[in-house]
N, C-alpha and C. Protein backbone atom coordinates (compact mmCIF):
# COMPACT_ATOMS: atom_id res chain seq x y z
N UNK A 1 33.52 145.24 49.35
CA UNK A 1 33.31 146.01 50.57
C UNK A 1 33.64 145.15 51.78
N UNK A 2 34.41 145.68 52.69
CA UNK A 2 34.78 144.97 53.91
C UNK A 2 33.66 145.14 54.93
N UNK A 3 33.27 144.05 55.58
CA UNK A 3 32.20 144.15 56.58
C UNK A 3 32.76 144.57 57.94
N UNK A 4 31.85 144.94 58.84
CA UNK A 4 32.25 145.44 60.16
C UNK A 4 33.09 144.43 60.93
N UNK A 5 32.74 143.14 60.80
CA UNK A 5 33.51 142.11 61.50
C UNK A 5 34.96 142.08 61.05
N UNK A 6 35.17 142.20 59.75
CA UNK A 6 36.54 142.20 59.21
C UNK A 6 37.30 143.46 59.65
N UNK A 7 36.60 144.60 59.67
CA UNK A 7 37.23 145.84 60.12
C UNK A 7 37.62 145.72 61.59
N UNK A 8 36.70 145.19 62.41
CA UNK A 8 37.00 145.00 63.83
C UNK A 8 38.20 144.09 64.02
N UNK A 9 38.24 143.01 63.27
CA UNK A 9 39.36 142.06 63.37
C UNK A 9 40.68 142.73 62.98
N UNK A 10 40.67 143.49 61.90
CA UNK A 10 41.88 144.18 61.44
C UNK A 10 42.32 145.23 62.46
N UNK A 11 41.37 146.03 62.96
CA UNK A 11 41.73 147.05 63.95
C UNK A 11 42.24 146.41 65.24
N UNK A 12 41.64 145.29 65.64
CA UNK A 12 42.08 144.60 66.86
C UNK A 12 43.50 144.08 66.71
N UNK A 13 43.78 143.41 65.61
CA UNK A 13 45.13 142.89 65.39
C UNK A 13 46.14 144.04 65.27
N UNK A 14 45.74 145.11 64.61
CA UNK A 14 46.61 146.28 64.49
C UNK A 14 46.92 146.87 65.87
N UNK A 15 45.90 146.92 66.72
CA UNK A 15 46.11 147.45 68.07
C UNK A 15 47.01 146.53 68.88
N UNK A 16 46.83 145.22 68.75
CA UNK A 16 47.71 144.28 69.47
C UNK A 16 49.16 144.49 69.06
N UNK A 17 49.40 144.72 67.77
CA UNK A 17 50.76 144.99 67.29
C UNK A 17 51.26 146.34 67.79
N UNK A 18 50.37 147.31 67.90
CA UNK A 18 50.73 148.64 68.41
C UNK A 18 51.10 148.56 69.89
N UNK A 19 50.30 147.83 70.66
CA UNK A 19 50.54 147.71 72.10
C UNK A 19 51.82 146.95 72.38
N UNK A 20 52.04 145.87 71.64
CA UNK A 20 53.19 144.99 71.91
C UNK A 20 53.80 144.52 70.59
N UNK A 21 54.54 145.40 69.91
CA UNK A 21 55.05 145.07 68.57
C UNK A 21 56.02 143.90 68.50
N UNK A 22 56.73 143.63 69.59
CA UNK A 22 57.74 142.57 69.55
C UNK A 22 57.39 141.39 70.45
N UNK A 23 56.12 141.28 70.82
CA UNK A 23 55.66 140.18 71.67
C UNK A 23 56.50 140.06 72.94
N UNK A 24 56.72 141.18 73.58
CA UNK A 24 57.55 141.29 74.78
C UNK A 24 56.71 140.90 76.01
N UNK A 25 57.19 139.94 76.78
CA UNK A 25 56.45 139.48 77.96
C UNK A 25 56.43 140.51 79.08
N UNK A 26 57.21 141.57 78.95
CA UNK A 26 57.22 142.64 79.96
C UNK A 26 56.18 143.72 79.67
N UNK A 27 55.41 143.54 78.59
CA UNK A 27 54.32 144.46 78.29
C UNK A 27 53.04 143.78 78.74
N UNK A 28 52.32 144.42 79.63
CA UNK A 28 51.16 143.82 80.27
C UNK A 28 49.88 144.35 79.63
N UNK A 29 49.15 143.44 78.99
CA UNK A 29 47.92 143.85 78.33
C UNK A 29 46.93 142.69 78.30
N UNK A 30 45.68 143.03 78.06
CA UNK A 30 44.63 142.02 77.96
C UNK A 30 43.50 142.58 77.09
N UNK A 31 42.72 141.68 76.53
CA UNK A 31 41.57 142.12 75.75
C UNK A 31 40.28 141.67 76.41
N UNK A 32 39.22 142.39 76.08
CA UNK A 32 37.89 142.12 76.62
C UNK A 32 37.93 142.00 78.14
N UNK A 33 38.35 143.06 78.78
CA UNK A 33 38.50 143.10 80.23
C UNK A 33 37.16 143.55 80.84
N UNK A 34 36.58 142.66 81.64
CA UNK A 34 35.25 142.91 82.20
C UNK A 34 35.34 143.33 83.66
N UNK A 35 34.57 144.34 84.00
CA UNK A 35 34.46 144.84 85.37
C UNK A 35 33.02 144.73 85.83
N UNK A 36 32.85 144.56 87.13
CA UNK A 36 31.51 144.51 87.74
C UNK A 36 30.66 143.41 87.10
N UNK A 37 31.27 142.27 86.88
CA UNK A 37 30.64 141.17 86.14
C UNK A 37 29.31 140.72 86.73
N UNK A 38 29.21 140.61 88.03
CA UNK A 38 28.01 140.06 88.66
C UNK A 38 26.98 141.14 89.01
N UNK A 39 27.10 142.30 88.42
CA UNK A 39 26.17 143.38 88.72
C UNK A 39 25.38 143.75 87.48
N UNK A 40 24.44 144.61 87.63
CA UNK A 40 23.68 145.11 86.49
C UNK A 40 24.39 146.22 85.75
N UNK A 41 25.60 146.58 86.19
CA UNK A 41 26.36 147.66 85.58
C UNK A 41 27.67 147.16 84.99
N UNK A 42 27.64 145.97 84.44
CA UNK A 42 28.84 145.35 83.88
C UNK A 42 29.38 146.20 82.73
N UNK A 43 30.69 146.36 82.69
CA UNK A 43 31.33 147.03 81.56
C UNK A 43 32.47 146.15 81.05
N UNK A 44 32.74 146.27 79.76
CA UNK A 44 33.86 145.54 79.17
C UNK A 44 34.68 146.51 78.33
N UNK A 45 35.97 146.54 78.63
CA UNK A 45 36.91 147.37 77.87
C UNK A 45 37.54 146.47 76.82
N UNK A 46 37.54 146.92 75.56
CA UNK A 46 38.07 146.08 74.48
C UNK A 46 39.51 145.65 74.73
N UNK A 47 40.37 146.60 75.05
CA UNK A 47 41.77 146.30 75.33
C UNK A 47 42.25 147.19 76.47
N UNK A 48 43.12 146.62 77.30
CA UNK A 48 43.77 147.39 78.36
C UNK A 48 45.25 147.06 78.39
N UNK A 49 46.02 148.08 78.71
CA UNK A 49 47.46 147.91 78.89
C UNK A 49 47.84 148.56 80.20
N UNK A 50 48.77 147.93 80.90
CA UNK A 50 49.30 148.51 82.14
C UNK A 50 50.77 148.78 81.95
N UNK A 51 51.18 149.98 82.31
CA UNK A 51 52.58 150.39 82.19
C UNK A 51 53.07 150.83 83.57
N UNK A 52 53.74 149.91 84.32
CA UNK A 52 54.25 150.30 85.63
C UNK A 52 55.46 151.24 85.46
N UNK A 53 55.70 152.06 86.46
CA UNK A 53 56.88 152.93 86.45
C UNK A 53 58.13 152.04 86.52
N UNK A 54 58.08 151.04 87.39
CA UNK A 54 59.10 150.01 87.51
C UNK A 54 58.46 148.84 88.26
N UNK A 55 59.23 147.83 88.61
CA UNK A 55 58.64 146.64 89.24
C UNK A 55 58.67 146.68 90.76
N UNK A 56 58.91 147.84 91.34
CA UNK A 56 58.81 147.96 92.80
C UNK A 56 57.33 148.15 93.15
N UNK A 57 57.00 148.00 94.42
CA UNK A 57 55.61 148.20 94.85
C UNK A 57 55.14 149.60 94.52
N UNK A 58 55.94 150.61 94.82
CA UNK A 58 55.53 151.99 94.52
C UNK A 58 55.48 152.23 93.02
N UNK A 59 56.38 151.60 92.26
CA UNK A 59 56.36 151.74 90.80
C UNK A 59 55.12 151.13 90.18
N UNK A 60 54.64 150.05 90.76
CA UNK A 60 53.39 149.44 90.28
C UNK A 60 52.21 150.34 90.65
N UNK A 61 52.20 150.81 91.89
CA UNK A 61 51.10 151.69 92.34
C UNK A 61 51.02 152.97 91.52
N UNK A 62 52.15 153.45 91.02
CA UNK A 62 52.18 154.68 90.24
C UNK A 62 52.03 154.44 88.74
N UNK A 63 51.83 153.18 88.35
CA UNK A 63 51.72 152.84 86.93
C UNK A 63 50.46 153.41 86.28
N UNK A 64 50.45 153.38 84.96
CA UNK A 64 49.33 153.91 84.19
C UNK A 64 48.60 152.80 83.45
N UNK A 65 47.28 152.96 83.38
CA UNK A 65 46.42 152.06 82.61
C UNK A 65 45.96 152.78 81.36
N UNK A 66 46.02 152.08 80.24
CA UNK A 66 45.57 152.58 78.95
C UNK A 66 44.39 151.73 78.52
N UNK A 67 43.29 152.36 78.18
CA UNK A 67 42.10 151.65 77.71
C UNK A 67 41.86 152.01 76.25
N UNK A 68 41.47 150.99 75.47
CA UNK A 68 41.25 151.16 74.04
C UNK A 68 39.89 150.58 73.67
N UNK A 69 39.10 151.35 72.93
CA UNK A 69 37.81 150.88 72.45
C UNK A 69 37.84 150.89 70.92
N UNK A 70 37.55 149.73 70.33
CA UNK A 70 37.53 149.56 68.88
C UNK A 70 36.16 150.01 68.36
N UNK A 71 36.16 150.86 67.35
CA UNK A 71 34.92 151.32 66.72
C UNK A 71 35.06 151.11 65.21
N UNK A 72 34.28 150.17 64.68
CA UNK A 72 34.43 149.77 63.28
C UNK A 72 33.61 150.62 62.31
N UNK A 73 32.67 151.41 62.84
CA UNK A 73 31.80 152.20 61.96
C UNK A 73 31.19 153.35 62.76
N UNK A 74 30.53 154.26 62.06
CA UNK A 74 29.83 155.36 62.72
C UNK A 74 28.71 154.78 63.59
N UNK A 75 28.00 153.78 63.10
CA UNK A 75 26.92 153.16 63.87
C UNK A 75 27.46 152.52 65.15
N UNK A 76 28.61 151.88 65.05
CA UNK A 76 29.25 151.28 66.22
C UNK A 76 29.61 152.38 67.22
N UNK A 77 30.14 153.47 66.73
CA UNK A 77 30.50 154.59 67.61
C UNK A 77 29.25 155.16 68.29
N UNK A 78 28.16 155.27 67.55
CA UNK A 78 26.94 155.88 68.08
C UNK A 78 26.15 154.95 68.99
N UNK A 79 26.48 153.66 69.01
CA UNK A 79 25.78 152.75 69.92
C UNK A 79 26.17 153.11 71.35
N UNK A 80 25.35 152.69 72.30
CA UNK A 80 25.63 153.02 73.69
C UNK A 80 26.68 152.11 74.31
N UNK A 81 27.12 151.10 73.58
CA UNK A 81 28.09 150.14 74.09
C UNK A 81 29.52 150.54 73.71
N UNK A 82 30.46 150.17 74.58
CA UNK A 82 31.87 150.30 74.23
C UNK A 82 32.45 151.69 74.36
N UNK A 83 32.00 152.44 75.33
CA UNK A 83 32.61 153.74 75.62
C UNK A 83 33.07 153.73 77.07
N UNK A 84 33.81 152.69 77.39
CA UNK A 84 34.20 152.41 78.78
C UNK A 84 35.61 152.90 79.04
N UNK A 85 35.73 154.15 79.38
CA UNK A 85 37.04 154.76 79.57
C UNK A 85 37.32 154.89 81.06
N UNK A 86 37.98 153.89 81.60
CA UNK A 86 38.26 153.85 83.04
C UNK A 86 39.76 153.91 83.32
N UNK A 87 40.56 154.13 82.30
CA UNK A 87 42.00 154.17 82.47
C UNK A 87 42.53 155.57 82.73
N UNK A 88 43.82 155.64 82.92
CA UNK A 88 44.50 156.92 83.05
C UNK A 88 44.55 157.63 81.69
N UNK A 89 44.72 156.84 80.63
CA UNK A 89 44.74 157.32 79.26
C UNK A 89 43.81 156.43 78.45
N UNK A 90 42.96 157.04 77.63
CA UNK A 90 41.91 156.30 76.94
C UNK A 90 41.89 156.67 75.46
N UNK A 91 41.63 155.65 74.63
CA UNK A 91 41.66 155.84 73.18
C UNK A 91 40.48 155.15 72.50
N UNK A 92 40.04 155.75 71.39
CA UNK A 92 39.25 155.04 70.39
C UNK A 92 40.23 154.56 69.33
N UNK A 93 39.93 153.42 68.73
CA UNK A 93 40.68 152.91 67.59
C UNK A 93 39.67 152.75 66.47
N UNK A 94 39.87 153.48 65.36
CA UNK A 94 38.88 153.49 64.28
C UNK A 94 39.53 153.84 62.96
N UNK A 95 38.79 153.65 61.89
CA UNK A 95 39.26 154.07 60.57
C UNK A 95 39.21 155.60 60.50
N UNK A 96 40.06 156.17 59.68
CA UNK A 96 40.13 157.63 59.61
C UNK A 96 38.83 158.24 59.08
N UNK A 97 38.17 157.56 58.14
CA UNK A 97 36.90 158.12 57.63
C UNK A 97 35.82 158.11 58.71
N UNK A 98 35.85 157.13 59.60
CA UNK A 98 34.91 157.11 60.73
C UNK A 98 35.24 158.28 61.65
N UNK A 99 36.51 158.48 61.94
CA UNK A 99 36.93 159.59 62.78
C UNK A 99 36.43 160.92 62.23
N UNK A 100 36.59 161.14 60.94
CA UNK A 100 36.16 162.41 60.34
C UNK A 100 34.68 162.66 60.56
N UNK A 101 33.88 161.60 60.59
CA UNK A 101 32.43 161.75 60.76
C UNK A 101 32.01 161.93 62.22
N UNK A 102 32.83 161.46 63.15
CA UNK A 102 32.42 161.49 64.57
C UNK A 102 33.32 162.37 65.44
N UNK A 103 34.31 163.02 64.86
CA UNK A 103 35.31 163.73 65.67
C UNK A 103 34.71 164.77 66.61
N UNK A 104 33.61 165.39 66.23
CA UNK A 104 33.00 166.39 67.10
C UNK A 104 32.27 165.76 68.29
N UNK A 105 32.04 164.46 68.24
CA UNK A 105 31.34 163.75 69.32
C UNK A 105 32.30 163.03 70.26
N UNK A 106 33.59 163.10 69.99
CA UNK A 106 34.57 162.43 70.84
C UNK A 106 34.82 163.31 72.07
N UNK A 107 34.63 162.74 73.26
CA UNK A 107 34.79 163.54 74.48
C UNK A 107 36.21 164.09 74.62
N UNK A 108 36.28 165.23 75.29
CA UNK A 108 37.57 165.85 75.59
C UNK A 108 38.42 164.84 76.38
N UNK A 109 39.67 164.75 76.03
CA UNK A 109 40.60 163.89 76.76
C UNK A 109 40.74 162.49 76.21
N UNK A 110 39.88 162.10 75.28
CA UNK A 110 39.96 160.76 74.70
C UNK A 110 40.80 160.84 73.43
N UNK A 111 41.81 159.98 73.33
CA UNK A 111 42.68 159.95 72.16
C UNK A 111 42.10 159.09 71.06
N UNK A 112 42.69 159.19 69.87
CA UNK A 112 42.23 158.41 68.72
C UNK A 112 43.43 157.85 67.97
N UNK A 113 43.38 156.55 67.70
CA UNK A 113 44.36 155.87 66.86
C UNK A 113 43.66 155.44 65.58
N UNK A 114 44.34 155.64 64.44
CA UNK A 114 43.81 155.22 63.14
C UNK A 114 44.90 154.51 62.36
N UNK A 115 44.53 153.66 61.39
CA UNK A 115 45.54 153.05 60.54
C UNK A 115 46.31 154.12 59.77
N UNK A 116 47.60 153.88 59.62
CA UNK A 116 48.49 154.84 58.97
C UNK A 116 48.60 154.52 57.49
N UNK A 117 47.69 155.02 56.70
CA UNK A 117 47.75 154.86 55.26
C UNK A 117 47.50 153.44 54.78
N UNK A 118 48.09 153.12 53.65
CA UNK A 118 47.87 151.83 52.99
C UNK A 118 49.13 150.96 53.07
N UNK A 119 49.64 150.75 54.26
CA UNK A 119 50.86 149.98 54.43
C UNK A 119 50.54 148.66 55.13
N UNK A 120 49.97 147.70 54.39
CA UNK A 120 49.50 146.48 55.05
C UNK A 120 50.64 145.54 55.45
N UNK A 121 50.44 144.87 56.56
CA UNK A 121 51.36 143.85 57.05
C UNK A 121 50.57 142.56 57.18
N UNK A 122 50.01 142.07 56.09
CA UNK A 122 49.17 140.90 56.17
C UNK A 122 47.78 141.29 56.63
N UNK A 123 47.41 140.93 57.85
CA UNK A 123 46.06 141.18 58.37
C UNK A 123 45.97 142.43 59.23
N UNK A 124 47.07 143.19 59.34
CA UNK A 124 47.03 144.37 60.21
C UNK A 124 47.74 145.54 59.57
N UNK A 125 47.45 146.74 60.10
CA UNK A 125 48.04 147.99 59.61
C UNK A 125 48.71 148.72 60.77
N UNK A 126 49.74 149.47 60.46
CA UNK A 126 50.39 150.30 61.46
C UNK A 126 49.39 151.37 61.91
N UNK A 127 49.37 151.68 63.21
CA UNK A 127 48.47 152.71 63.73
C UNK A 127 49.24 153.98 64.04
N UNK A 128 48.53 155.10 63.92
CA UNK A 128 49.10 156.40 64.30
C UNK A 128 48.09 157.12 65.18
N UNK A 129 48.60 157.97 66.05
CA UNK A 129 47.75 158.75 66.95
C UNK A 129 47.43 160.07 66.26
N UNK A 130 46.13 160.33 66.05
CA UNK A 130 45.74 161.61 65.44
C UNK A 130 45.07 162.54 66.45
N UNK A 131 44.81 162.01 67.64
CA UNK A 131 44.30 162.85 68.74
C UNK A 131 44.87 162.28 70.03
N UNK A 132 45.67 163.07 70.72
CA UNK A 132 46.32 162.59 71.95
C UNK A 132 45.33 162.61 73.12
N UNK A 133 45.43 161.58 73.98
CA UNK A 133 44.56 161.59 75.16
C UNK A 133 45.14 162.49 76.24
N UNK A 134 44.31 162.85 77.18
CA UNK A 134 44.75 163.58 78.36
C UNK A 134 44.54 162.67 79.56
N UNK A 135 45.44 162.77 80.52
CA UNK A 135 45.34 161.96 81.74
C UNK A 135 43.99 162.22 82.41
N UNK A 136 43.36 161.13 82.85
CA UNK A 136 42.10 161.23 83.56
C UNK A 136 42.30 160.70 84.98
N UNK A 137 41.44 161.10 85.86
CA UNK A 137 41.48 160.61 87.22
C UNK A 137 40.78 159.26 87.28
N UNK A 138 41.55 158.22 87.41
CA UNK A 138 41.01 156.86 87.47
C UNK A 138 40.36 156.66 88.82
N UNK A 139 39.18 156.02 88.83
CA UNK A 139 38.47 155.81 90.10
C UNK A 139 38.63 154.39 90.64
N UNK A 140 39.18 153.51 89.85
CA UNK A 140 39.37 152.12 90.30
C UNK A 140 40.80 151.92 90.77
N UNK A 141 40.96 151.02 91.72
CA UNK A 141 42.28 150.78 92.29
C UNK A 141 43.17 149.99 91.34
N UNK A 142 44.47 150.13 91.55
CA UNK A 142 45.44 149.37 90.77
C UNK A 142 45.17 147.88 90.93
N UNK A 143 44.91 147.42 92.15
CA UNK A 143 44.71 145.98 92.37
C UNK A 143 43.48 145.46 91.63
N UNK A 144 42.38 146.22 91.62
CA UNK A 144 41.19 145.78 90.88
C UNK A 144 41.47 145.74 89.38
N UNK A 145 42.10 146.77 88.87
CA UNK A 145 42.39 146.83 87.43
C UNK A 145 43.30 145.67 87.02
N UNK A 146 44.35 145.42 87.80
CA UNK A 146 45.27 144.33 87.47
C UNK A 146 44.58 142.97 87.57
N UNK A 147 43.74 142.77 88.59
CA UNK A 147 43.04 141.50 88.73
C UNK A 147 42.12 141.25 87.54
N UNK A 148 41.39 142.24 87.10
CA UNK A 148 40.49 142.06 85.96
C UNK A 148 41.29 141.81 84.67
N UNK A 149 42.42 142.48 84.52
CA UNK A 149 43.28 142.22 83.36
C UNK A 149 43.82 140.80 83.41
N UNK A 150 44.27 140.38 84.58
CA UNK A 150 44.82 139.03 84.74
C UNK A 150 43.75 137.98 84.42
N UNK A 151 42.55 138.18 84.92
CA UNK A 151 41.46 137.24 84.66
C UNK A 151 41.17 137.12 83.16
N UNK A 152 41.14 138.26 82.48
CA UNK A 152 40.87 138.25 81.04
C UNK A 152 42.01 137.62 80.26
N UNK A 153 43.25 137.93 80.63
CA UNK A 153 44.40 137.33 79.95
C UNK A 153 44.42 135.82 80.15
N UNK A 154 44.06 135.36 81.33
CA UNK A 154 44.01 133.92 81.62
C UNK A 154 42.94 133.25 80.76
N UNK A 155 41.80 133.90 80.59
CA UNK A 155 40.73 133.36 79.73
C UNK A 155 41.25 133.20 78.30
N UNK A 156 41.94 134.19 77.78
CA UNK A 156 42.48 134.11 76.42
C UNK A 156 43.55 133.03 76.31
N UNK A 157 44.35 132.88 77.35
CA UNK A 157 45.37 131.83 77.37
C UNK A 157 44.71 130.45 77.30
N UNK A 158 43.66 130.26 78.08
CA UNK A 158 42.95 128.97 78.06
C UNK A 158 42.34 128.70 76.70
N UNK A 159 41.83 129.73 76.03
CA UNK A 159 41.28 129.56 74.69
C UNK A 159 42.35 129.07 73.72
N UNK A 160 43.54 129.67 73.81
CA UNK A 160 44.64 129.27 72.92
C UNK A 160 45.08 127.84 73.18
N UNK A 161 45.16 127.45 74.44
CA UNK A 161 45.55 126.07 74.78
C UNK A 161 44.52 125.09 74.24
N UNK A 162 43.25 125.41 74.38
CA UNK A 162 42.18 124.54 73.86
C UNK A 162 42.27 124.41 72.35
N UNK A 163 42.54 125.53 71.65
CA UNK A 163 42.70 125.49 70.19
C UNK A 163 43.83 124.58 69.77
N UNK A 164 44.95 124.66 70.48
CA UNK A 164 46.13 123.86 70.13
C UNK A 164 45.89 122.37 70.34
N UNK A 165 45.04 122.04 71.29
CA UNK A 165 44.76 120.63 71.58
C UNK A 165 43.80 120.00 70.58
N UNK A 166 43.07 120.82 69.85
CA UNK A 166 42.08 120.29 68.90
C UNK A 166 42.71 119.89 67.59
């Protein structure tokens, strides 16, 4: 039996491959993006991706944010943590059997990604969309969202540099 930690790790790696399959530096994403850090209302989005229309100022301002929350089990889904949908398009990432048990509790407009069958690629699986998200009215500014993504990406970069030095 695979434990929740292993499922979370597999779903996370699968999502990273889904977001950026070819490790393209023009795809802007970050994990564990924290907002309102110094307040009592702190939230953390598991993964975020930004897709600008183009690299002009107006193209950046018109870009879309995608938020992804990993749910490794029904209990994880039912916890009060990790339902932080602040993007233009928002998704849960979960196993299909978890989806079948919680599908009636998924809010309108939230999409769902699940592993696509038994086609393993080492530690990750290809993901497929079984429920499409609907555009939501984002209440945070592009500059705030990008700054929080940048801060989180920088933290992960520093972690990798520290690992390589050890």
